[in-house]
Amino acid sequence: MLVPRPEPYHHRMVPVSKVSSKPTKDRRPRAIVLGSGDRPNVMENADHLRKVITQYAEIVVWDLEFEQDLTDIEADLVIVLGGDGSILRAVGQMGYQQRPLIGVNLGKLGFLADLSPDELHTVLPSIRHGEHKVVDHLMFECRLHRAGKVVAEQLGLNEAVIRAGLPFSILDVNLYVDSKLVTTYSCDGLIVSTPVGSTAHSLSAGGPILRKSLQAFVISPISPHTLTNRPVVDSADCEYRLEIADSDGNAAVVVDGRVLDNMLPGDQVSVVRASTSFKLIEVPGHDYYRTLREKLGWGGRLISQEAT
């Protein structure tokens, strides 16, 4: 089985179970710290944040390059320094061994990385004493099928996308749910998104917002060439298959922003629920709808400039 591995982000799909013991009041939790060391904000804050973390946790891995093999590392939580892109890379680095994670927002949007650096002092003590909640979120496995064989596959958190390539002609994409034909989309691409990813690329394409803990997928066409196509929400227990009848080899499968492979005529892409889940530590005071309002500028009414 061929699995492209151009970067450490890609992982073979071999589920591995490794459960660490929970921290107690007498033992500091073991923490893996990951981040994008090439980002100025991360490097500027790294030394200070390391001192804060070591007050409440034992750092077993400090990796700001996303390069360390985490397979045999026993840890209670993962702390990511950066933005949402850094969290996606951390999720890819962990593969099937997902640990409870919090993100310290040193990026721009910070929808998943919702914790400010100043809040780390107040959150880590509660984590040390087990006074926190871990919420599981849907992940998926994306596979590219060619001539009856799987030629590429990847674990994902946000979305799998079929995108048109040069010369950027309209694609006709057949969508099958549990082997039953749903419809054929004429579009620039098609997105299959998790609830976590519903506020990412799918949202930009006009898809709905799903609560992150829902067990469902969203199928959203990109610039559909018809007025009757609408996004579809369906169960995470279904298998989703996407097929391009005609392709010049320039259409590509993209998982969480990274190209998995190009598609040839007759290729199929399958998306199914993964055996593992993304484990996000719930931070008090950071509820879901507050994040939508503050991070995405979501308001229920229009306010004129004169009134402000």
Protein backbone atom coordinates (compact mmCIF):
# COMPACT_ATOMS: atom_id res chain seq x y z
CA MET A 1 0.00 0.00 0.00
CA LEU A 2 1.42 3.34 -1.04
CA VAL A 3 1.07 6.14 1.50
CA PRO A 4 2.72 9.47 0.54
CA ARG A 5 4.86 10.89 3.34
CA PRO A 6 6.27 14.19 2.03
CA GLU A 7 6.27 15.68 5.52
CA PRO A 8 6.13 14.41 9.14
CA TYR A 9 2.47 15.44 9.11
CA HIS A 10 1.43 12.29 7.19
CA HIS A 11 0.93 9.07 9.13
CA ARG A 12 0.24 5.48 8.23
CA MET A 13 -3.26 4.45 9.20
CA VAL A 14 -2.36 1.82 11.80
CA PRO A 15 -4.45 2.39 14.94
CA VAL A 16 -2.40 2.10 18.12
CA SER A 17 -3.82 2.14 21.62
CA LYS A 18 -1.71 3.76 24.33
CA VAL A 19 -3.46 5.04 27.44
CA SER A 20 -1.56 6.94 30.09
CA SER A 21 -2.60 7.09 33.72
CA LYS A 22 -4.47 10.17 34.86
CA PRO A 23 -2.60 12.82 36.81
CA THR A 24 -3.30 13.04 40.52
CA LYS A 25 -3.03 15.85 43.03
CA ASP A 26 0.34 14.43 44.06
CA ARG A 27 1.73 14.23 40.53
CA ARG A 28 2.12 16.88 37.91
CA PRO A 29 0.64 15.93 34.52
CA ARG A 30 3.10 14.98 31.80
CA ALA A 31 2.89 17.44 28.92
CA ILE A 32 3.95 17.38 25.29
CA VAL A 33 4.51 20.92 24.02
CA LEU A 34 4.28 21.45 20.26
CA GLY A 35 4.30 24.59 18.16
CA SER A 36 5.42 26.43 15.04
CA GLY A 37 8.87 27.67 15.95
CA ASP A 38 9.14 29.50 12.64
CA ARG A 39 6.43 31.94 13.73
CA PRO A 40 7.77 35.11 15.42
CA ASN A 41 5.00 35.21 18.06
CA VAL A 42 5.78 31.66 19.12
CA MET A 43 9.50 32.26 19.56
CA GLU A 44 8.92 35.54 21.38
CA ASN A 45 6.71 33.84 23.97
CA ALA A 46 8.31 30.38 24.11
CA ASP A 47 10.69 30.94 27.04
CA HIS A 48 8.07 32.64 29.20
CA LEU A 49 5.42 30.00 28.46
CA ARG A 50 7.88 27.21 29.19
CA LYS A 51 8.44 28.64 32.68
CA VAL A 52 4.68 28.85 33.23
CA ILE A 53 4.09 25.28 32.07
CA THR A 54 6.87 23.80 34.24
CA GLN A 55 5.19 25.23 37.34
CA TYR A 56 2.22 22.91 36.87
CA ALA A 57 3.33 20.14 34.52
CA GLU A 58 6.31 17.95 33.67
CA ILE A 59 7.38 18.63 30.09
CA VAL A 60 8.28 15.30 28.49
CA VAL A 61 8.57 16.65 24.93
CA TRP A 62 9.37 20.19 23.76
CA ASP A 63 9.09 20.21 19.96
CA LEU A 64 8.64 23.46 18.04
CA GLU A 65 9.46 21.82 14.71
CA PHE A 66 6.69 19.15 14.60
CA GLU A 67 9.39 16.53 14.06
CA GLN A 68 9.50 14.31 17.13
CA ASP A 69 8.17 10.75 16.99
CA LEU A 70 5.51 10.63 19.71
CA THR A 71 4.75 6.92 19.38
CA ASP A 72 6.32 5.78 22.65
CA ILE A 73 5.81 8.97 24.64
CA GLU A 74 3.59 8.65 27.71
CA ALA A 75 1.77 11.93 28.29
CA ASP A 76 -1.39 13.26 29.90
CA LEU A 77 -1.91 16.30 27.68
CA VAL A 78 -0.60 18.22 24.70
CA ILE A 79 -0.11 22.00 24.76
CA VAL A 80 0.08 23.65 21.34
CA LEU A 81 1.68 27.07 20.94
CA GLY A 82 0.34 28.82 17.87
CA GLY A 83 -2.94 29.01 15.99
CA ASP A 84 -5.45 26.61 14.47
CA GLY A 85 -2.96 25.56 11.77
CA SER A 86 -0.53 24.50 14.48
CA ILE A 87 -3.24 22.40 16.11
CA LEU A 88 -3.93 20.64 12.80
CA ARG A 89 -0.23 19.81 12.51
CA ALA A 90 -0.13 18.58 16.11
CA VAL A 91 -3.15 16.35 15.46
CA GLY A 92 -1.39 14.92 12.41
CA GLN A 93 1.80 14.36 14.40
CA MET A 94 -0.08 12.39 17.06
CA GLY A 95 -1.88 10.24 14.50
CA TYR A 96 -4.00 7.58 16.18
CA GLN A 97 -2.56 8.34 19.60
CA GLN A 98 -4.57 11.48 20.29
CA ARG A 99 -4.07 13.05 23.74
CA PRO A 100 -6.17 15.73 25.48
CA LEU A 101 -5.10 19.04 23.96
CA ILE A 102 -5.25 22.75 24.69
CA GLY A 103 -4.12 25.45 22.31
CA VAL A 104 -2.46 28.71 23.33
CA ASN A 105 -3.40 31.24 20.67
CA LEU A 106 -0.31 32.92 19.26
CA GLY A 107 -1.76 33.10 15.77
CA LYS A 108 -4.57 35.10 14.17
CA LEU A 109 -8.04 33.55 14.43
CA GLY A 110 -7.55 30.95 17.13
CA PHE A 111 -10.90 29.18 16.86
CA LEU A 112 -9.52 25.92 18.28
CA ALA A 113 -6.52 27.55 19.93
CA ASP A 114 -8.83 29.57 22.12
CA LEU A 115 -6.62 30.12 25.17
CA SER A 116 -4.69 33.37 25.56
CA PRO A 117 -1.12 33.19 26.97
CA ASP A 118 -2.25 35.06 30.10
CA GLU A 119 -4.93 32.43 30.81
CA LEU A 120 -2.44 29.57 31.03
CA HIS A 121 -1.72 30.40 34.69
CA THR A 122 -5.37 29.82 35.64
CA VAL A 123 -6.09 26.80 33.43
CA LEU A 124 -3.08 24.58 34.18
CA PRO A 125 -3.72 24.32 37.96
CA SER A 126 -7.25 23.02 37.32
CA ILE A 127 -5.88 20.51 34.81
CA ARG A 128 -3.29 19.34 37.34
CA HIS A 129 -6.04 18.61 39.88
CA GLY A 130 -8.29 16.91 37.34
CA GLU A 131 -10.85 19.74 37.40
CA HIS A 132 -11.40 19.87 33.67
CA LYS A 133 -13.49 18.26 30.95
CA VAL A 134 -12.23 16.59 27.79
CA VAL A 135 -14.62 16.62 24.81
CA ASP A 136 -14.19 14.12 21.99
CA HIS A 137 -14.62 15.39 18.43
CA LEU A 138 -15.11 13.50 15.19
CA MET A 139 -12.10 12.64 13.02
CA PHE A 140 -12.11 10.87 9.67
CA GLU A 141 -10.09 8.60 7.42
CA CYS A 142 -9.73 9.69 3.80
CA ARG A 143 -8.67 7.11 1.21
CA LEU A 144 -7.97 7.43 -2.50
CA HIS A 145 -9.07 4.34 -4.45
CA ARG A 146 -7.61 3.57 -7.88
CA ALA A 147 -8.40 0.43 -9.88
CA GLY A 148 -9.74 -1.27 -6.77
CA LYS A 149 -6.73 -0.48 -4.59
CA VAL A 150 -6.08 2.15 -1.91
CA VAL A 151 -3.12 4.21 -3.18
CA ALA A 152 -3.13 6.98 -0.56
CA GLU A 153 -4.79 7.61 2.79
CA GLN A 154 -4.69 10.06 5.65
CA LEU A 155 -6.25 10.76 9.02
CA GLY A 156 -7.98 14.15 9.17
CA LEU A 157 -9.75 16.54 11.51
CA ASN A 158 -11.21 19.38 9.42
CA GLU A 159 -12.14 18.32 5.91
CA ALA A 160 -11.40 16.34 2.79
CA VAL A 161 -11.72 18.31 -0.44
CA ILE A 162 -11.70 17.48 -4.13
CA ARG A 163 -10.44 20.58 -5.93
CA ALA A 164 -10.11 21.43 -9.60
CA GLY A 165 -6.62 22.08 -10.89
CA LEU A 166 -5.29 23.87 -13.94
CA PRO A 167 -6.96 24.88 -16.20
CA PHE A 168 -9.59 25.12 -13.41
CA SER A 169 -12.49 23.77 -15.42
CA ILE A 170 -15.76 22.80 -13.69
CA LEU A 171 -15.77 19.33 -12.15
CA ASP A 172 -18.64 16.85 -12.24
CA VAL A 173 -18.42 15.04 -8.90
CA ASN A 174 -20.68 12.08 -8.10
CA LEU A 175 -21.56 11.77 -4.41
CA TYR A 176 -22.43 8.34 -2.99
CA VAL A 177 -23.61 7.75 0.60
CA ASP A 178 -23.39 4.10 1.65
CA SER A 179 -22.98 3.13 -2.03
CA LYS A 180 -26.18 4.95 -3.05
CA LEU A 181 -25.93 7.79 -5.55
CA VAL A 182 -27.06 11.09 -4.01
CA THR A 183 -26.40 13.56 -6.83
CA THR A 184 -23.82 14.87 -9.25
CA TYR A 185 -22.35 18.26 -8.39
CA SER A 186 -21.08 20.54 -11.16
CA CYS A 187 -18.73 22.73 -9.19
CA ASP A 188 -15.18 23.93 -8.58
CA GLY A 189 -14.81 21.33 -5.86
CA LEU A 190 -16.58 19.39 -3.11
CA ILE A 191 -15.92 19.47 0.64
CA VAL A 192 -16.68 16.73 3.17
CA SER A 193 -16.27 18.37 6.55
CA THR A 194 -16.48 17.40 10.21
CA PRO A 195 -18.26 19.67 12.72
CA VAL A 196 -14.85 21.03 13.75
CA GLY A 197 -14.15 21.84 10.10
CA SER A 198 -17.60 23.35 9.55
CA THR A 199 -16.20 26.75 10.61
CA ALA A 200 -13.25 26.46 8.20
CA HIS A 201 -13.31 25.90 4.42
CA SER A 202 -16.89 24.63 4.44
CA LEU A 203 -18.12 27.84 6.06
CA SER A 204 -16.40 29.92 3.36
CA ALA A 205 -18.20 27.82 0.73
CA GLY A 206 -21.59 28.60 2.30
CA GLY A 207 -21.92 25.53 4.49
CA PRO A 208 -23.73 25.46 7.85
CA ILE A 209 -22.13 25.75 11.29
CA LEU A 210 -22.31 22.54 13.33
CA ARG A 211 -21.67 22.22 17.03
CA LYS A 212 -18.22 20.66 17.35
CA SER A 213 -19.41 17.68 19.39
CA LEU A 214 -22.00 16.51 16.83
CA GLN A 215 -21.42 13.20 15.07
CA ALA A 216 -22.09 14.22 11.48
CA PHE A 217 -20.47 15.25 8.20
CA VAL A 218 -21.25 18.26 6.02
CA ILE A 219 -21.01 18.04 2.23
CA SER A 220 -20.57 21.49 0.70
CA PRO A 221 -20.04 22.22 -3.01
CA ILE A 222 -17.58 24.97 -3.94
CA SER A 223 -19.19 27.44 -6.38
CA PRO A 224 -21.86 25.01 -7.68
CA HIS A 225 -23.04 25.72 -11.22
CA THR A 226 -26.74 25.40 -10.35
CA LEU A 227 -29.21 27.08 -8.01
CA THR A 228 -30.61 23.81 -6.68
CA ASN A 229 -27.48 22.40 -4.97
CA ARG A 230 -27.34 22.95 -1.23
CA PRO A 231 -25.03 21.69 1.53
CA VAL A 232 -26.04 18.34 3.05
CA VAL A 233 -25.65 17.18 6.66
CA ASP A 234 -25.67 13.43 7.30
CA SER A 235 -24.61 10.86 9.90
CA ALA A 236 -20.97 10.20 10.72
CA ASP A 237 -21.76 6.48 10.60
CA CYS A 238 -22.17 6.57 6.81
CA GLU A 239 -19.49 6.06 4.18
CA TYR A 240 -19.08 8.93 1.72
CA ARG A 241 -17.61 8.34 -1.73
CA LEU A 242 -16.72 11.04 -4.23
CA GLU A 243 -15.99 10.21 -7.86
CA ILE A 244 -14.88 12.30 -10.83
CA ALA A 245 -15.99 10.74 -14.10
CA ASP A 246 -13.66 12.81 -16.29
CA SER A 247 -10.34 14.19 -15.10
CA ASP A 248 -7.16 15.37 -16.79
CA GLY A 249 -5.14 14.41 -13.72
CA ASN A 250 -4.99 17.94 -12.35
CA ALA A 251 -7.82 17.60 -9.82
CA ALA A 252 -6.47 16.91 -6.35
CA VAL A 253 -7.56 15.46 -3.01
CA VAL A 254 -6.72 17.83 -0.16
CA VAL A 255 -6.94 16.81 3.52
CA ASP A 256 -6.73 19.54 6.16
CA GLY A 257 -5.07 21.91 3.71
CA ARG A 258 -2.43 19.45 2.43
CA VAL A 259 -2.51 17.70 -0.92
CA LEU A 260 -2.90 13.94 -0.55
CA ASP A 261 -2.64 13.11 -4.28
CA ASN A 262 -3.93 13.98 -7.75
CA MET A 263 -6.98 12.20 -9.15
CA LEU A 264 -7.20 10.22 -12.39
CA PRO A 265 -10.40 9.32 -14.28
CA GLY A 266 -12.32 6.68 -12.36
CA ASP A 267 -10.62 7.39 -9.02
CA GLN A 268 -12.82 7.45 -5.94
CA VAL A 269 -12.30 9.18 -2.60
CA SER A 270 -13.88 7.63 0.50
CA VAL A 271 -14.43 9.40 3.81
CA VAL A 272 -15.42 7.46 6.95
CA ARG A 273 -15.37 8.00 10.70
CA ALA A 274 -11.94 7.33 12.23
CA SER A 275 -11.41 4.93 15.10
CA THR A 276 -9.80 7.73 17.11
CA SER A 277 -11.10 11.18 18.05
CA PHE A 278 -9.77 14.67 18.61
CA LYS A 279 -9.70 15.32 22.36
CA LEU A 280 -10.06 18.99 23.24
CA ILE A 281 -9.81 20.22 26.82
CA GLU A 282 -12.79 22.44 27.57
CA VAL A 283 -11.69 25.74 29.07
CA PRO A 284 -14.13 27.39 31.55
CA GLY A 285 -15.60 30.62 30.19
CA HIS A 286 -14.91 29.69 26.57
CA ASP A 287 -18.26 28.31 25.47
CA TYR A 288 -18.99 27.44 21.85
CA TYR A 289 -21.29 30.33 20.95
CA ARG A 290 -19.09 32.89 22.64
CA THR A 291 -16.26 31.69 20.42
CA LEU A 292 -18.47 32.05 17.34
CA ARG A 293 -19.43 35.59 18.29
CA GLU A 294 -15.95 36.78 19.17
CA LYS A 295 -13.80 34.92 16.66
CA LEU A 296 -16.08 34.99 13.62
CA GLY A 297 -17.73 38.36 14.26
CA TRP A 298 -21.16 36.73 14.40
CA GLY A 299 -23.91 39.14 15.41
CA GLY A 300 -27.67 38.87 15.47
CA ARG A 301 -28.37 42.41 14.26
CA LEU A 302 -26.86 45.11 12.16
CA ILE A 303 -25.35 48.15 13.84
CA SER A 304 -25.00 51.26 11.72
CA GLN A 305 -21.78 53.21 11.79
CA GLU A 306 -23.70 56.27 12.97
CA ALA A 307 -24.82 54.39 16.08
CA THR A 308 -21.24 53.45 16.89
